Amino acid sequence: MNVIQSLPMARAVGANHDQAFEHESSAEVLKVSTRSRPSAVAGAIAGVIREHGVAEVQSIGAGATNQAIKAVAIARSYLQDDGLDITCVPSFIDIDIDNQERTAIRLLIERR
């Protein structure tokens, strides 16, 4: 997985994606697809939370959102081993993909 490490950036996790997209948020954005492995996404979430205290997960569609929610639950268990807990605030966000506006689910994950 090729990921540009400067913040803020969006990156795809848990699948074969080679692009990174700029994003205007202060949180690192993790893009989740239906093919994303929840454990891989969870590891990315936990790493971003440990380093920055906040992460943003975006998904489009029921399958991708299912994977994202599973990843948040798994990440919570990973972080409990470090004595950390997280909260997750879901919302809708409009994003541009190939010059088409799509509605995504945005999960803002922060240390509790």
C-alpha atoms as a PDB file:
ATOM      1  CA  MET A   1       0.000   0.000   0.000  1.00  0.00           C
ATOM      2  CA  ASN A   2       1.486   3.333  -1.051  1.00  0.00           C
ATOM      3  CA  VAL A   3       0.537   6.068   1.385  1.00  0.00           C
ATOM      4  CA  ILE A   4       1.677   9.656   1.528  1.00  0.00           C
ATOM      5  CA  GLN A   5       2.504  10.223   5.192  1.00  0.00           C
ATOM      6  CA  SER A   6       2.015  13.985   5.497  1.00  0.00           C
ATOM      7  CA  LEU A   7      -1.163  15.148   7.205  1.00  0.00           C
ATOM      8  CA  PRO A   8      -3.891  15.804   6.424  1.00  0.00           C
ATOM      9  CA  MET A   9      -4.317  13.108   3.790  1.00  0.00           C
ATOM     10  CA  ALA A  10      -6.932  10.574   2.849  1.00  0.00           C
ATOM     11  CA  ARG A  11      -5.816   7.029   2.287  1.00  0.00           C
ATOM     12  CA  ALA A  12      -7.421   3.756   1.429  1.00  0.00           C
ATOM     13  CA  VAL A  13      -6.747   0.941   3.872  1.00  0.00           C
ATOM     14  CA  GLY A  14      -7.245  -2.793   3.863  1.00  0.00           C
ATOM     15  CA  ALA A  15      -7.541  -3.102   0.085  1.00  0.00           C
ATOM     16  CA  ASN A  16      -5.358  -2.679  -2.994  1.00  0.00           C
ATOM     17  CA  HIS A  17      -5.429   1.087  -3.448  1.00  0.00           C
ATOM     18  CA  ASP A  18      -2.451   3.095  -4.634  1.00  0.00           C
ATOM     19  CA  GLN A  19      -3.833   6.635  -4.478  1.00  0.00           C
ATOM     20  CA  ALA A  20      -3.786   9.179  -1.685  1.00  0.00           C
ATOM     21  CA  PHE A  21      -6.153  12.131  -1.783  1.00  0.00           C
ATOM     22  CA  GLU A  22      -5.726  15.515  -0.138  1.00  0.00           C
ATOM     23  CA  HIS A  23      -8.335  16.456   2.428  1.00  0.00           C
ATOM     24  CA  GLU A  24      -8.962  19.671   4.293  1.00  0.00           C
ATOM     25  CA  SER A  25      -9.663  18.115   7.710  1.00  0.00           C
ATOM     26  CA  SER A  26      -7.305  18.128  10.669  1.00  0.00           C
ATOM     27  CA  ALA A  27      -7.909  14.382  11.137  1.00  0.00           C
ATOM     28  CA  GLU A  28      -6.277  11.753   8.964  1.00  0.00           C
ATOM     29  CA  VAL A  29      -8.916  10.294   6.633  1.00  0.00           C
ATOM     30  CA  LEU A  30      -9.097   6.538   6.083  1.00  0.00           C
ATOM     31  CA  LYS A  31     -11.181   5.436   3.090  1.00  0.00           C
ATOM     32  CA  VAL A  32     -12.877   2.062   3.520  1.00  0.00           C
ATOM     33  CA  SER A  33     -14.318  -0.108   0.749  1.00  0.00           C
ATOM     34  CA  THR A  34     -16.383  -3.290   0.747  1.00  0.00           C
ATOM     35  CA  ARG A  35     -13.152  -5.244   0.155  1.00  0.00           C
ATOM     36  CA  SER A  36     -11.303  -3.634   3.077  1.00  0.00           C
ATOM     37  CA  ARG A  37     -10.261  -6.042   5.821  1.00  0.00           C
ATOM     38  CA  PRO A  38     -11.714  -4.789   9.118  1.00  0.00           C
ATOM     39  CA  SER A  39      -8.614  -5.888  11.060  1.00  0.00           C
ATOM     40  CA  ALA A  40      -6.330  -3.906   8.720  1.00  0.00           C
ATOM     41  CA  VAL A  41      -8.548  -0.826   8.965  1.00  0.00           C
ATOM     42  CA  ALA A  42      -8.682  -1.283  12.764  1.00  0.00           C
ATOM     43  CA  GLY A  43      -4.884  -1.319  12.932  1.00  0.00           C
ATOM     44  CA  ALA A  44      -4.742   1.883  10.906  1.00  0.00           C
ATOM     45  CA  ILE A  45      -7.369   3.542  13.116  1.00  0.00           C
ATOM     46  CA  ALA A  46      -5.538   2.489  16.283  1.00  0.00           C
ATOM     47  CA  GLY A  47      -2.222   3.777  14.929  1.00  0.00           C
ATOM     48  CA  VAL A  48      -3.680   7.156  13.956  1.00  0.00           C
ATOM     49  CA  ILE A  49      -5.443   7.475  17.323  1.00  0.00           C
ATOM     50  CA  ARG A  50      -2.236   6.652  19.204  1.00  0.00           C
ATOM     51  CA  GLU A  51      -0.276   9.200  17.172  1.00  0.00           C
ATOM     52  CA  HIS A  52      -2.782  12.019  16.625  1.00  0.00           C
ATOM     53  CA  GLY A  53      -5.739  11.356  18.934  1.00  0.00           C
ATOM     54  CA  VAL A  54      -8.301  11.682  16.129  1.00  0.00           C
ATOM     55  CA  ALA A  55      -9.078   9.795  12.918  1.00  0.00           C
ATOM     56  CA  GLU A  56     -11.750  10.053  10.254  1.00  0.00           C
ATOM     57  CA  VAL A  57     -13.156   7.049   8.401  1.00  0.00           C
ATOM     58  CA  GLN A  58     -15.185   7.477   5.201  1.00  0.00           C
ATOM     59  CA  SER A  59     -17.274   4.834   3.451  1.00  0.00           C
ATOM     60  CA  ILE A  60     -19.786   4.768   0.614  1.00  0.00           C
ATOM     61  CA  GLY A  61     -22.459   2.078   0.564  1.00  0.00           C
ATOM     62  CA  ALA A  62     -23.745  -0.528   2.967  1.00  0.00           C
ATOM     63  CA  GLY A  63     -20.896  -3.019   2.507  1.00  0.00           C
ATOM     64  CA  ALA A  64     -18.165  -0.452   3.042  1.00  0.00           C
ATOM     65  CA  THR A  65     -19.973   1.040   6.035  1.00  0.00           C
ATOM     66  CA  ASN A  66     -20.330  -2.442   7.537  1.00  0.00           C
ATOM     67  CA  GLN A  67     -16.569  -2.973   7.232  1.00  0.00           C
ATOM     68  CA  ALA A  68     -15.894   0.465   8.740  1.00  0.00           C
ATOM     69  CA  ILE A  69     -18.122  -0.152  11.780  1.00  0.00           C
ATOM     70  CA  LYS A  70     -16.511  -3.547  12.393  1.00  0.00           C
ATOM     71  CA  ALA A  71     -13.108  -1.868  12.174  1.00  0.00           C
ATOM     72  CA  VAL A  72     -14.048   0.726  14.808  1.00  0.00           C
ATOM     73  CA  ALA A  73     -15.124  -2.043  17.195  1.00  0.00           C
ATOM     74  CA  ILE A  74     -11.892  -3.965  16.605  1.00  0.00           C
ATOM     75  CA  ALA A  75      -9.785  -0.798  16.970  1.00  0.00           C
ATOM     76  CA  ARG A  76     -11.441  -0.154  20.309  1.00  0.00           C
ATOM     77  CA  SER A  77     -10.272  -3.554  21.551  1.00  0.00           C
ATOM     78  CA  TYR A  78      -6.741  -2.875  20.222  1.00  0.00           C
ATOM     79  CA  LEU A  79      -6.622   0.452  22.066  1.00  0.00           C
ATOM     80  CA  GLN A  80      -7.958  -0.985  25.336  1.00  0.00           C
ATOM     81  CA  ASP A  81      -4.668  -2.859  25.685  1.00  0.00           C
ATOM     82  CA  ASP A  82      -3.000   0.590  25.835  1.00  0.00           C
ATOM     83  CA  GLY A  83      -5.515   1.948  28.347  1.00  0.00           C
ATOM     84  CA  LEU A  84      -7.202   4.121  25.703  1.00  0.00           C
ATOM     85  CA  ASP A  85     -10.888   4.366  24.815  1.00  0.00           C
ATOM     86  CA  ILE A  86     -12.501   6.004  21.791  1.00  0.00           C
ATOM     87  CA  THR A  87     -15.771   7.568  20.777  1.00  0.00           C
ATOM     88  CA  CYS A  88     -17.278   7.474  17.293  1.00  0.00           C
ATOM     89  CA  VAL A  89     -19.524  10.194  15.883  1.00  0.00           C
ATOM     90  CA  PRO A  90     -21.230   9.276  12.588  1.00  0.00           C
ATOM     91  CA  SER A  91     -22.393  11.842  10.046  1.00  0.00           C
ATOM     92  CA  PHE A  92     -22.986  12.302   6.332  1.00  0.00           C
ATOM     93  CA  ILE A  93     -20.473  14.027   4.074  1.00  0.00           C
ATOM     94  CA  ASP A  94     -20.651  14.932   0.385  1.00  0.00           C
ATOM     95  CA  ILE A  95     -17.511  13.989  -1.514  1.00  0.00           C
ATOM     96  CA  ASP A  96     -16.478  14.337  -5.161  1.00  0.00           C
ATOM     97  CA  ILE A  97     -15.495  11.155  -7.012  1.00  0.00           C
ATOM     98  CA  ASP A  98     -14.685  11.461 -10.720  1.00  0.00           C
ATOM     99  CA  ASN A  99     -16.549  14.775 -10.883  1.00  0.00           C
ATOM    100  CA  GLN A 100     -19.683  13.243  -9.350  1.00  0.00           C
ATOM    101  CA  GLU A 101     -20.932  14.219  -5.928  1.00  0.00           C
ATOM    102  CA  ARG A 102     -21.563  11.208  -3.670  1.00  0.00           C
ATOM    103  CA  THR A 103     -22.838  10.992  -0.117  1.00  0.00           C
ATOM    104  CA  ALA A 104     -20.553   9.088   2.230  1.00  0.00           C
ATOM    105  CA  ILE A 105     -20.730   8.071   5.853  1.00  0.00           C
ATOM    106  CA  ARG A 106     -18.143   9.883   7.954  1.00  0.00           C
ATOM    107  CA  LEU A 107     -17.049   8.367  11.254  1.00  0.00           C
ATOM    108  CA  LEU A 108     -15.107  10.796  13.426  1.00  0.00           C
ATOM    109  CA  ILE A 109     -13.143   8.777  15.952  1.00  0.00           C
ATOM    110  CA  GLU A 110     -11.533  10.495  18.935  1.00  0.00           C
ATOM    111  CA  ARG A 111      -9.906   9.552  22.204  1.00  0.00           C
ATOM    112  CA  ARG A 112     -12.355   9.553  25.037  1.00  0.00           C
END
